[in-house]
Amino acid sequence: MELFNSNRKLEHWPYASPPTITAFEFERWNAHKWRRWMAKNWPLSIIASCIYLLLIFVGKRFMKNRQPFNLKSTMIVWNFLLASFSTCGFIRTFPELYQVLSGPNGFHRSVCVRDTLHESSIFWAWLFTWSKLFELGDTAWIVLRKKKITLLHVYHHITVFIFCWASFSDWEPILRWFGIVNLSVHSLMYSYYMLKGLNVPVPRSISMCLTSLQMSQMICGIFVNAYAVYVKSKGEPCARSEEGINLHLMMYGSYLILFANYFYRAYIHQKPRKKEL
């Protein structure tokens, strides 16, 4: 599998010259060095995921005969940090996508053409990839509070982390869509969790909207991938690998099925109440 080949050739994607988005000093970094490092060391994502699964098993055994931890304050801080990161990441990366979409043949270029890249965007894309390792910590709060861990939760966290790591080094234009949409959804999602932790009354409809947004994110991922398939089927150039298309279609398709199933069980299918005697 070329996407998981440590020695694969990395396509060149030069920065916009002159840049139209000014990078902060901390966003100026050796992106190409880290790109090569992550391509070479992608197996670390598999190792980290295996450790993650092991820690879930060990954690559940550890908590078996113990009382759930009260982690309310810790979780408020955790969700605040992730909401803040997602918001900052969206603010710093969306302008580049907007510039591309605003130009001639914008949507096509946003999916298939390597241009209009800026240091700030690739820096936040790198942080975004590492944030998926950090987000594995979401599961710790579930285990330590003795809550139910779902297949959706574990599968989603592991596959997002592995695919983000493997995809980062390819620097495909379509990754803008994946990252920016995810950052926007997560900025709202973690803000919602934080407000719930602060006992702010949040209507059930907000929770339904968030799950709907997550499903919309999957539909968006499928759509932009399908567009890349359409372009390549006509024999036209598109900066997408066949393997990347297939893996991301599989990933987004499976997420959509799992999130739709969750939405149905949580908000539509209601168990009949027992009649009172």
C-alpha atoms as a PDB file:
ATOM      1  CA  MET A   1       0.000   0.000   0.000  1.00  0.00           C
ATOM      2  CA  GLU A   2       1.705   3.154  -1.263  1.00  0.00           C
ATOM      3  CA  LEU A   3       0.068   5.441   1.307  1.00  0.00           C
ATOM      4  CA  PHE A   4       1.744   3.371   4.033  1.00  0.00           C
ATOM      5  CA  ASN A   5       5.080   3.033   2.223  1.00  0.00           C
ATOM      6  CA  SER A   6       7.813   4.696   4.287  1.00  0.00           C
ATOM      7  CA  ASN A   7       9.995   5.194   1.198  1.00  0.00           C
ATOM      8  CA  ARG A   8       7.335   6.528  -1.183  1.00  0.00           C
ATOM      9  CA  LYS A   9       8.031   9.584  -3.320  1.00  0.00           C
ATOM     10  CA  LEU A  10       6.535  12.760  -1.856  1.00  0.00           C
ATOM     11  CA  GLU A  11       4.990  15.138  -4.384  1.00  0.00           C
ATOM     12  CA  HIS A  12       6.278  18.717  -4.324  1.00  0.00           C
ATOM     13  CA  TRP A  13       3.849  21.474  -3.331  1.00  0.00           C
ATOM     14  CA  PRO A  14       5.506  24.910  -3.276  1.00  0.00           C
ATOM     15  CA  TYR A  15       4.287  27.718  -1.061  1.00  0.00           C
ATOM     16  CA  ALA A  16       2.324  30.559  -2.634  1.00  0.00           C
ATOM     17  CA  SER A  17       4.674  33.302  -3.831  1.00  0.00           C
ATOM     18  CA  PRO A  18       4.143  35.946  -2.746  1.00  0.00           C
ATOM     19  CA  PRO A  19       2.096  34.671   0.218  1.00  0.00           C
ATOM     20  CA  THR A  20      -1.346  36.190   0.676  1.00  0.00           C
ATOM     21  CA  ILE A  21      -1.663  34.943   4.260  1.00  0.00           C
ATOM     22  CA  THR A  22       1.010  36.096   6.702  1.00  0.00           C
ATOM     23  CA  ALA A  23       2.349  33.409   9.023  1.00  0.00           C
ATOM     24  CA  PHE A  24       3.027  34.164  12.661  1.00  0.00           C
ATOM     25  CA  GLU A  25       6.588  33.584  13.804  1.00  0.00           C
ATOM     26  CA  PHE A  26       5.700  30.314  15.564  1.00  0.00           C
ATOM     27  CA  GLU A  27       4.093  29.052  12.330  1.00  0.00           C
ATOM     28  CA  ARG A  28       7.370  29.351  10.418  1.00  0.00           C
ATOM     29  CA  TRP A  29       8.960  25.915  10.649  1.00  0.00           C
ATOM     30  CA  ASN A  30      10.656  23.154   8.679  1.00  0.00           C
ATOM     31  CA  ALA A  31       7.530  21.521   7.290  1.00  0.00           C
ATOM     32  CA  HIS A  32       9.407  19.377   4.767  1.00  0.00           C
ATOM     33  CA  LYS A  33      11.573  17.835   7.485  1.00  0.00           C
ATOM     34  CA  TRP A  34       8.510  16.788   9.490  1.00  0.00           C
ATOM     35  CA  ARG A  35       6.753  15.635   6.349  1.00  0.00           C
ATOM     36  CA  ARG A  36       9.577  13.207   5.614  1.00  0.00           C
ATOM     37  CA  TRP A  37       9.776  12.136   9.273  1.00  0.00           C
ATOM     38  CA  MET A  38       6.074  11.312   9.446  1.00  0.00           C
ATOM     39  CA  ALA A  39       6.173   9.433   6.138  1.00  0.00           C
ATOM     40  CA  LYS A  40       9.083   7.339   7.389  1.00  0.00           C
ATOM     41  CA  ASN A  41       7.649   6.700  10.850  1.00  0.00           C
ATOM     42  CA  TRP A  42       3.970   6.083  10.076  1.00  0.00           C
ATOM     43  CA  PRO A  43       4.101   2.660  11.867  1.00  0.00           C
ATOM     44  CA  LEU A  44       4.228   4.644  15.124  1.00  0.00           C
ATOM     45  CA  SER A  45       0.544   5.441  14.587  1.00  0.00           C
ATOM     46  CA  ILE A  46      -0.231   1.709  14.536  1.00  0.00           C
ATOM     47  CA  ILE A  47       1.862   1.114  17.659  1.00  0.00           C
ATOM     48  CA  ALA A  48       0.160   4.003  19.473  1.00  0.00           C
ATOM     49  CA  SER A  49      -3.260   2.635  18.492  1.00  0.00           C
ATOM     50  CA  CYS A  50      -2.385  -0.822  19.820  1.00  0.00           C
ATOM     51  CA  ILE A  51      -1.222   0.739  23.097  1.00  0.00           C
ATOM     52  CA  TYR A  52      -4.501   2.676  23.171  1.00  0.00           C
ATOM     53  CA  LEU A  53      -6.528  -0.547  22.868  1.00  0.00           C
ATOM     54  CA  LEU A  54      -4.393  -2.217  25.532  1.00  0.00           C
ATOM     55  CA  LEU A  55      -4.902   0.709  27.912  1.00  0.00           C
ATOM     56  CA  ILE A  56      -8.671   0.478  27.425  1.00  0.00           C
ATOM     57  CA  PHE A  57      -8.572  -3.181  28.443  1.00  0.00           C
ATOM     58  CA  VAL A  58      -6.243  -2.520  31.392  1.00  0.00           C
ATOM     59  CA  GLY A  59      -8.264   0.507  32.449  1.00  0.00           C
ATOM     60  CA  LYS A  60     -11.551  -1.390  32.476  1.00  0.00           C
ATOM     61  CA  ARG A  61      -9.957  -4.143  34.568  1.00  0.00           C
ATOM     62  CA  PHE A  62      -8.500  -1.534  36.921  1.00  0.00           C
ATOM     63  CA  MET A  63     -11.893   0.121  37.402  1.00  0.00           C
ATOM     64  CA  LYS A  64     -13.878  -3.101  37.724  1.00  0.00           C
ATOM     65  CA  ASN A  65     -14.152  -3.041  41.527  1.00  0.00           C
ATOM     66  CA  ARG A  66     -13.610   0.677  42.039  1.00  0.00           C
ATOM     67  CA  GLN A  67     -15.947   3.630  42.291  1.00  0.00           C
ATOM     68  CA  PRO A  68     -16.100   5.963  39.265  1.00  0.00           C
ATOM     69  CA  PHE A  69     -13.821   8.986  39.459  1.00  0.00           C
ATOM     70  CA  ASN A  70     -15.330  12.454  39.649  1.00  0.00           C
ATOM     71  CA  LEU A  71     -13.512  14.167  36.782  1.00  0.00           C
ATOM     72  CA  LYS A  72     -15.900  17.023  36.141  1.00  0.00           C
ATOM     73  CA  SER A  73     -13.369  19.846  36.550  1.00  0.00           C
ATOM     74  CA  THR A  74     -10.694  17.992  34.586  1.00  0.00           C
ATOM     75  CA  MET A  75     -13.088  17.317  31.721  1.00  0.00           C
ATOM     76  CA  ILE A  76     -14.178  20.956  31.588  1.00  0.00           C
ATOM     77  CA  VAL A  77     -10.544  22.009  31.127  1.00  0.00           C
ATOM     78  CA  TRP A  78      -9.951  19.202  28.611  1.00  0.00           C
ATOM     79  CA  ASN A  79     -12.944  20.160  26.491  1.00  0.00           C
ATOM     80  CA  PHE A  80     -12.050  23.843  26.714  1.00  0.00           C
ATOM     81  CA  LEU A  81      -8.542  23.140  25.405  1.00  0.00           C
ATOM     82  CA  LEU A  82      -9.789  21.019  22.503  1.00  0.00           C
ATOM     83  CA  ALA A  83     -12.527  23.525  21.632  1.00  0.00           C
ATOM     84  CA  SER A  84      -9.977  26.351  21.693  1.00  0.00           C
ATOM     85  CA  PHE A  85      -7.507  24.420  19.539  1.00  0.00           C
ATOM     86  CA  SER A  86     -10.187  23.519  16.990  1.00  0.00           C
ATOM     87  CA  THR A  87     -11.394  27.118  16.820  1.00  0.00           C
ATOM     88  CA  CYS A  88      -7.873  28.511  16.365  1.00  0.00           C
ATOM     89  CA  GLY A  89      -7.083  25.869  13.751  1.00  0.00           C
ATOM     90  CA  PHE A  90     -10.224  26.721  11.804  1.00  0.00           C
ATOM     91  CA  ILE A  91      -9.518  30.461  11.945  1.00  0.00           C
ATOM     92  CA  ARG A  92      -5.970  29.963  10.634  1.00  0.00           C
ATOM     93  CA  THR A  93      -6.768  27.444   7.862  1.00  0.00           C
ATOM     94  CA  PHE A  94     -10.144  28.490   6.471  1.00  0.00           C
ATOM     95  CA  PRO A  95      -8.843  31.681   4.756  1.00  0.00           C
ATOM     96  CA  GLU A  96      -6.661  29.602   2.425  1.00  0.00           C
ATOM     97  CA  LEU A  97      -9.573  27.397   1.358  1.00  0.00           C
ATOM     98  CA  TYR A  98     -11.735  30.484   0.915  1.00  0.00           C
ATOM     99  CA  GLN A  99      -9.101  32.085  -1.325  1.00  0.00           C
ATOM    100  CA  VAL A 100      -8.959  28.989  -3.511  1.00  0.00           C
ATOM    101  CA  LEU A 101     -12.748  28.685  -3.754  1.00  0.00           C
ATOM    102  CA  SER A 102     -13.032  32.379  -4.615  1.00  0.00           C
ATOM    103  CA  GLY A 103     -10.655  32.056  -7.559  1.00  0.00           C
ATOM    104  CA  PRO A 104     -11.292  30.717 -11.073  1.00  0.00           C
ATOM    105  CA  ASN A 105     -12.466  27.089 -11.117  1.00  0.00           C
ATOM    106  CA  GLY A 106     -12.190  27.236  -7.340  1.00  0.00           C
ATOM    107  CA  PHE A 107     -13.848  24.001  -6.245  1.00  0.00           C
ATOM    108  CA  HIS A 108     -11.873  21.928  -8.732  1.00  0.00           C
ATOM    109  CA  ARG A 109      -8.613  23.518  -7.617  1.00  0.00           C
ATOM    110  CA  SER A 110      -9.481  22.938  -3.962  1.00  0.00           C
ATOM    111  CA  VAL A 111      -9.701  19.201  -4.646  1.00  0.00           C
ATOM    112  CA  CYS A 112      -7.269  18.495  -7.471  1.00  0.00           C
ATOM    113  CA  VAL A 113      -4.614  21.216  -7.820  1.00  0.00           C
ATOM    114  CA  ARG A 114      -1.604  21.818  -5.582  1.00  0.00           C
ATOM    115  CA  ASP A 115      -1.487  25.607  -5.346  1.00  0.00           C
ATOM    116  CA  THR A 116      -2.053  28.482  -2.890  1.00  0.00           C
ATOM    117  CA  LEU A 117      -0.301  26.695  -0.008  1.00  0.00           C
ATOM    118  CA  HIS A 118       0.832  28.749   2.998  1.00  0.00           C
ATOM    119  CA  GLU A 119       3.133  28.032   5.927  1.00  0.00           C
ATOM    120  CA  SER A 120       0.398  28.737   8.451  1.00  0.00           C
ATOM    121  CA  SER A 121      -1.977  26.195   6.902  1.00  0.00           C
ATOM    122  CA  ILE A 122       0.524  23.358   6.763  1.00  0.00           C
ATOM    123  CA  PHE A 123       1.622  24.129  10.333  1.00  0.00           C
ATOM    124  CA  TRP A 124      -1.943  23.785  11.595  1.00  0.00           C
ATOM    125  CA  ALA A 125      -2.443  20.682   9.459  1.00  0.00           C
ATOM    126  CA  TRP A 126       0.532  19.174  11.288  1.00  0.00           C
ATOM    127  CA  LEU A 127      -0.894  20.157  14.676  1.00  0.00           C
ATOM    128  CA  PHE A 128      -4.261  18.786  13.567  1.00  0.00           C
ATOM    129  CA  THR A 129      -2.648  15.406  12.875  1.00  0.00           C
ATOM    130  CA  TRP A 130      -1.031  15.286  16.310  1.00  0.00           C
ATOM    131  CA  SER A 131      -4.266  16.425  17.949  1.00  0.00           C
ATOM    132  CA  LYS A 132      -5.788  13.108  16.895  1.00  0.00           C
ATOM    133  CA  LEU A 133      -3.272  11.355  19.135  1.00  0.00           C
ATOM    134  CA  PHE A 134      -4.180  13.757  21.933  1.00  0.00           C
ATOM    135  CA  GLU A 135      -7.902  13.090  21.387  1.00  0.00           C
ATOM    136  CA  LEU A 136      -7.403   9.418  22.192  1.00  0.00           C
ATOM    137  CA  GLY A 137      -7.438  10.726  25.752  1.00  0.00           C
ATOM    138  CA  ASP A 138     -11.210  11.207  25.390  1.00  0.00           C
ATOM    139  CA  THR A 139     -11.522   7.507  26.131  1.00  0.00           C
ATOM    140  CA  ALA A 140      -9.707   7.815  29.464  1.00  0.00           C
ATOM    141  CA  TRP A 141     -12.554   9.887  30.876  1.00  0.00           C
ATOM    142  CA  ILE A 142     -15.061   7.245  29.779  1.00  0.00           C
ATOM    143  CA  VAL A 143     -13.074   4.421  31.371  1.00  0.00           C
ATOM    144  CA  LEU A 144     -12.319   6.254  34.626  1.00  0.00           C
ATOM    145  CA  ARG A 145     -15.982   7.244  35.031  1.00  0.00           C
ATOM    146  CA  LYS A 146     -17.083   3.663  34.218  1.00  0.00           C
ATOM    147  CA  LYS A 147     -19.224   4.742  31.279  1.00  0.00           C
ATOM    148  CA  LYS A 148     -20.015   2.537  28.289  1.00  0.00           C
ATOM    149  CA  ILE A 149     -17.458   2.575  25.459  1.00  0.00           C
ATOM    150  CA  THR A 150     -19.045   2.179  22.032  1.00  0.00           C
ATOM    151  CA  LEU A 151     -17.610   0.662  18.872  1.00  0.00           C
ATOM    152  CA  LEU A 152     -18.225   4.002  17.143  1.00  0.00           C
ATOM    153  CA  HIS A 153     -16.052   5.825  19.686  1.00  0.00           C
ATOM    154  CA  VAL A 154     -13.066   3.458  19.529  1.00  0.00           C
ATOM    155  CA  TYR A 155     -13.180   2.818  15.773  1.00  0.00           C
ATOM    156  CA  HIS A 156     -13.558   6.517  14.988  1.00  0.00           C
ATOM    157  CA  HIS A 157     -10.675   7.622  17.217  1.00  0.00           C
ATOM    158  CA  ILE A 158      -8.230   4.965  15.980  1.00  0.00           C
ATOM    159  CA  THR A 159      -8.920   5.226  12.268  1.00  0.00           C
ATOM    160  CA  VAL A 160      -8.904   9.034  12.236  1.00  0.00           C
ATOM    161  CA  PHE A 161      -5.507   9.071  13.934  1.00  0.00           C
ATOM    162  CA  ILE A 162      -3.951   6.460  11.620  1.00  0.00           C
ATOM    163  CA  PHE A 163      -5.356   7.949   8.412  1.00  0.00           C
ATOM    164  CA  CYS A 164      -4.461  11.516   9.390  1.00  0.00           C
ATOM    165  CA  TRP A 165      -0.865  10.474  10.050  1.00  0.00           C
ATOM    166  CA  ALA A 166      -0.579   8.503   6.800  1.00  0.00           C
ATOM    167  CA  SER A 167      -2.266  11.244   4.751  1.00  0.00           C
ATOM    168  CA  PHE A 168      -0.326  14.202   6.137  1.00  0.00           C
ATOM    169  CA  SER A 169       2.815  13.458   4.139  1.00  0.00           C
ATOM    170  CA  ASP A 170       0.921  13.354   0.828  1.00  0.00           C
ATOM    171  CA  TRP A 171      -0.075  17.024   1.045  1.00  0.00           C
ATOM    172  CA  GLU A 172      -3.074  16.475  -1.196  1.00  0.00           C
ATOM    173  CA  PRO A 173      -5.253  19.598  -1.704  1.00  0.00           C
ATOM    174  CA  ILE A 174      -8.394  17.708  -0.706  1.00  0.00           C
ATOM    175  CA  LEU A 175      -7.025  17.395   2.838  1.00  0.00           C
ATOM    176  CA  ARG A 176      -8.010  21.036   3.330  1.00  0.00           C
ATOM    177  CA  TRP A 177     -11.629  19.942   3.166  1.00  0.00           C
ATOM    178  CA  PHE A 178     -11.139  17.058   5.583  1.00  0.00           C
ATOM    179  CA  GLY A 179      -9.257  19.115   8.168  1.00  0.00           C
ATOM    180  CA  ILE A 180     -11.187  22.387   8.023  1.00  0.00           C
ATOM    181  CA  VAL A 181     -14.619  20.751   8.186  1.00  0.00           C
ATOM    182  CA  ASN A 182     -13.461  18.561  11.076  1.00  0.00           C
ATOM    183  CA  LEU A 183     -12.042  21.541  12.967  1.00  0.00           C
ATOM    184  CA  SER A 184     -15.286  23.478  12.581  1.00  0.00           C
ATOM    185  CA  VAL A 185     -17.392  20.566  13.840  1.00  0.00           C
ATOM    186  CA  HIS A 186     -15.048  19.836  16.744  1.00  0.00           C
ATOM    187  CA  SER A 187     -14.975  23.475  17.833  1.00  0.00           C
ATOM    188  CA  LEU A 188     -18.737  23.221  18.353  1.00  0.00           C
ATOM    189  CA  MET A 189     -18.716  19.678  19.718  1.00  0.00           C
ATOM    190  CA  TYR A 190     -16.125  20.251  22.441  1.00  0.00           C
ATOM    191  CA  SER A 191     -17.744  23.581  23.331  1.00  0.00           C
ATOM    192  CA  TYR A 192     -20.997  21.672  23.820  1.00  0.00           C
ATOM    193  CA  TYR A 193     -19.272  19.147  26.097  1.00  0.00           C
ATOM    194  CA  MET A 194     -17.710  21.975  28.083  1.00  0.00           C
ATOM    195  CA  LEU A 195     -21.069  23.708  28.574  1.00  0.00           C
ATOM    196  CA  LYS A 196     -22.640  20.438  29.694  1.00  0.00           C
ATOM    197  CA  GLY A 197     -19.840  20.049  32.228  1.00  0.00           C
ATOM    198  CA  LEU A 198     -20.555  23.563  33.515  1.00  0.00           C
ATOM    199  CA  ASN A 199     -24.222  22.567  33.979  1.00  0.00           C
ATOM    200  CA  VAL A 200     -25.359  25.073  31.381  1.00  0.00           C
ATOM    201  CA  PRO A 201     -28.817  23.956  30.185  1.00  0.00           C
ATOM    202  CA  VAL A 202     -28.414  22.901  26.558  1.00  0.00           C
ATOM    203  CA  PRO A 203     -31.540  21.847  24.612  1.00  0.00           C
ATOM    204  CA  ARG A 204     -31.665  18.298  23.293  1.00  0.00           C
ATOM    205  CA  SER A 205     -32.083  19.775  19.825  1.00  0.00           C
ATOM    206  CA  ILE A 206     -28.501  21.102  20.018  1.00  0.00           C
ATOM    207  CA  SER A 207     -27.211  17.575  20.568  1.00  0.00           C
ATOM    208  CA  MET A 208     -29.239  16.401  17.568  1.00  0.00           C
ATOM    209  CA  CYS A 209     -27.817  19.235  15.464  1.00  0.00           C
ATOM    210  CA  LEU A 210     -24.258  18.301  16.428  1.00  0.00           C
ATOM    211  CA  THR A 211     -24.771  14.675  15.425  1.00  0.00           C
ATOM    212  CA  SER A 212     -26.344  15.896  12.180  1.00  0.00           C
ATOM    213  CA  LEU A 213     -23.280  18.083  11.590  1.00  0.00           C
ATOM    214  CA  GLN A 214     -21.036  15.074  12.119  1.00  0.00           C
ATOM    215  CA  MET A 215     -23.018  13.127   9.528  1.00  0.00           C
ATOM    216  CA  SER A 216     -22.841  16.132   7.185  1.00  0.00           C
ATOM    217  CA  GLN A 217     -19.068  16.083   7.612  1.00  0.00           C
ATOM    218  CA  MET A 218     -19.009  12.479   6.384  1.00  0.00           C
ATOM    219  CA  ILE A 219     -21.247  13.325   3.427  1.00  0.00           C
ATOM    220  CA  CYS A 220     -18.908  16.199   2.537  1.00  0.00           C
ATOM    221  CA  GLY A 221     -15.907  13.848   2.688  1.00  0.00           C
ATOM    222  CA  ILE A 222     -17.646  11.353   0.405  1.00  0.00           C
ATOM    223  CA  PHE A 223     -18.692  14.100  -2.020  1.00  0.00           C
ATOM    224  CA  VAL A 224     -15.234  15.634  -2.516  1.00  0.00           C
ATOM    225  CA  ASN A 225     -13.757  12.149  -2.901  1.00  0.00           C
ATOM    226  CA  ALA A 226     -16.434  11.273  -5.456  1.00  0.00           C
ATOM    227  CA  TYR A 227     -15.557  14.430  -7.379  1.00  0.00           C
ATOM    228  CA  ALA A 228     -11.913  13.336  -7.515  1.00  0.00           C
ATOM    229  CA  VAL A 229     -13.046   9.944  -8.851  1.00  0.00           C
ATOM    230  CA  TYR A 230     -15.140  11.704 -11.508  1.00  0.00           C
ATOM    231  CA  VAL A 231     -12.236  13.893 -12.635  1.00  0.00           C
ATOM    232  CA  LYS A 232      -9.808  10.982 -12.855  1.00  0.00           C
ATOM    233  CA  SER A 233     -12.395   8.839 -14.685  1.00  0.00           C
ATOM    234  CA  LYS A 234     -12.359  11.430 -17.496  1.00  0.00           C
ATOM    235  CA  GLY A 235      -8.592  11.051 -17.766  1.00  0.00           C
ATOM    236  CA  GLU A 236      -7.965  14.530 -16.387  1.00  0.00           C
ATOM    237  CA  PRO A 237      -5.215  15.245 -13.830  1.00  0.00           C
ATOM    238  CA  CYS A 238      -6.126  15.368 -10.149  1.00  0.00           C
ATOM    239  CA  ALA A 239      -3.683  15.428  -7.235  1.00  0.00           C
ATOM    240  CA  ARG A 240      -5.198  12.387  -5.582  1.00  0.00           C
ATOM    241  CA  SER A 241      -3.818   8.870  -5.302  1.00  0.00           C
ATOM    242  CA  GLU A 242      -6.107   5.937  -6.075  1.00  0.00           C
ATOM    243  CA  GLU A 243      -5.252   4.443  -2.702  1.00  0.00           C
ATOM    244  CA  GLY A 244      -6.037   7.671  -0.879  1.00  0.00           C
ATOM    245  CA  ILE A 245      -9.410   7.917  -2.607  1.00  0.00           C
ATOM    246  CA  ASN A 246     -10.352   4.328  -1.754  1.00  0.00           C
ATOM    247  CA  LEU A 247      -9.232   4.532   1.866  1.00  0.00           C
ATOM    248  CA  HIS A 248     -10.989   7.824   2.515  1.00  0.00           C
ATOM    249  CA  LEU A 249     -14.195   6.653   0.826  1.00  0.00           C
ATOM    250  CA  MET A 250     -14.125   3.565   3.027  1.00  0.00           C
ATOM    251  CA  MET A 251     -13.411   5.663   6.114  1.00  0.00           C
ATOM    252  CA  TYR A 252     -16.096   8.280   5.518  1.00  0.00           C
ATOM    253  CA  GLY A 253     -18.624   5.686   4.349  1.00  0.00           C
ATOM    254  CA  SER A 254     -18.187   3.602   7.502  1.00  0.00           C
ATOM    255  CA  TYR A 255     -18.377   6.714   9.697  1.00  0.00           C
ATOM    256  CA  LEU A 256     -21.607   7.808   8.027  1.00  0.00           C
ATOM    257  CA  ILE A 257     -23.194   4.404   8.636  1.00  0.00           C
ATOM    258  CA  LEU A 258     -22.111   4.343  12.294  1.00  0.00           C
ATOM    259  CA  PHE A 259     -23.165   7.932  13.018  1.00  0.00           C
ATOM    260  CA  ALA A 260     -26.502   7.446  11.229  1.00  0.00           C
ATOM    261  CA  ASN A 261     -27.111   4.332  13.318  1.00  0.00           C
ATOM    262  CA  TYR A 262     -26.270   6.277  16.479  1.00  0.00           C
ATOM    263  CA  PHE A 263     -28.601   9.117  15.438  1.00  0.00           C
ATOM    264  CA  TYR A 264     -31.433   6.664  14.817  1.00  0.00           C
ATOM    265  CA  ARG A 265     -31.013   4.887  18.146  1.00  0.00           C
ATOM    266  CA  ALA A 266     -30.478   8.067  20.168  1.00  0.00           C
ATOM    267  CA  TYR A 267     -33.077  10.406  18.674  1.00  0.00           C
ATOM    268  CA  ILE A 268     -35.587   8.542  16.508  1.00  0.00           C
ATOM    269  CA  HIS A 269     -36.124   5.037  17.814  1.00  0.00           C
ATOM    270  CA  GLN A 270     -37.903   5.276  21.132  1.00  0.00           C
ATOM    271  CA  LYS A 271     -38.506   2.219  23.258  1.00  0.00           C
ATOM    272  CA  PRO A 272     -42.200   1.914  24.145  1.00  0.00           C
ATOM    273  CA  ARG A 273     -42.921   2.851  27.725  1.00  0.00           C
ATOM    274  CA  LYS A 274     -44.437   0.282  30.014  1.00  0.00           C
ATOM    275  CA  LYS A 275     -48.063   0.938  30.864  1.00  0.00           C
ATOM    276  CA  GLU A 276     -48.680   1.950  34.439  1.00  0.00           C
ATOM    277  CA  LEU A 277     -50.939  -0.394  36.413  1.00  0.00           C
END
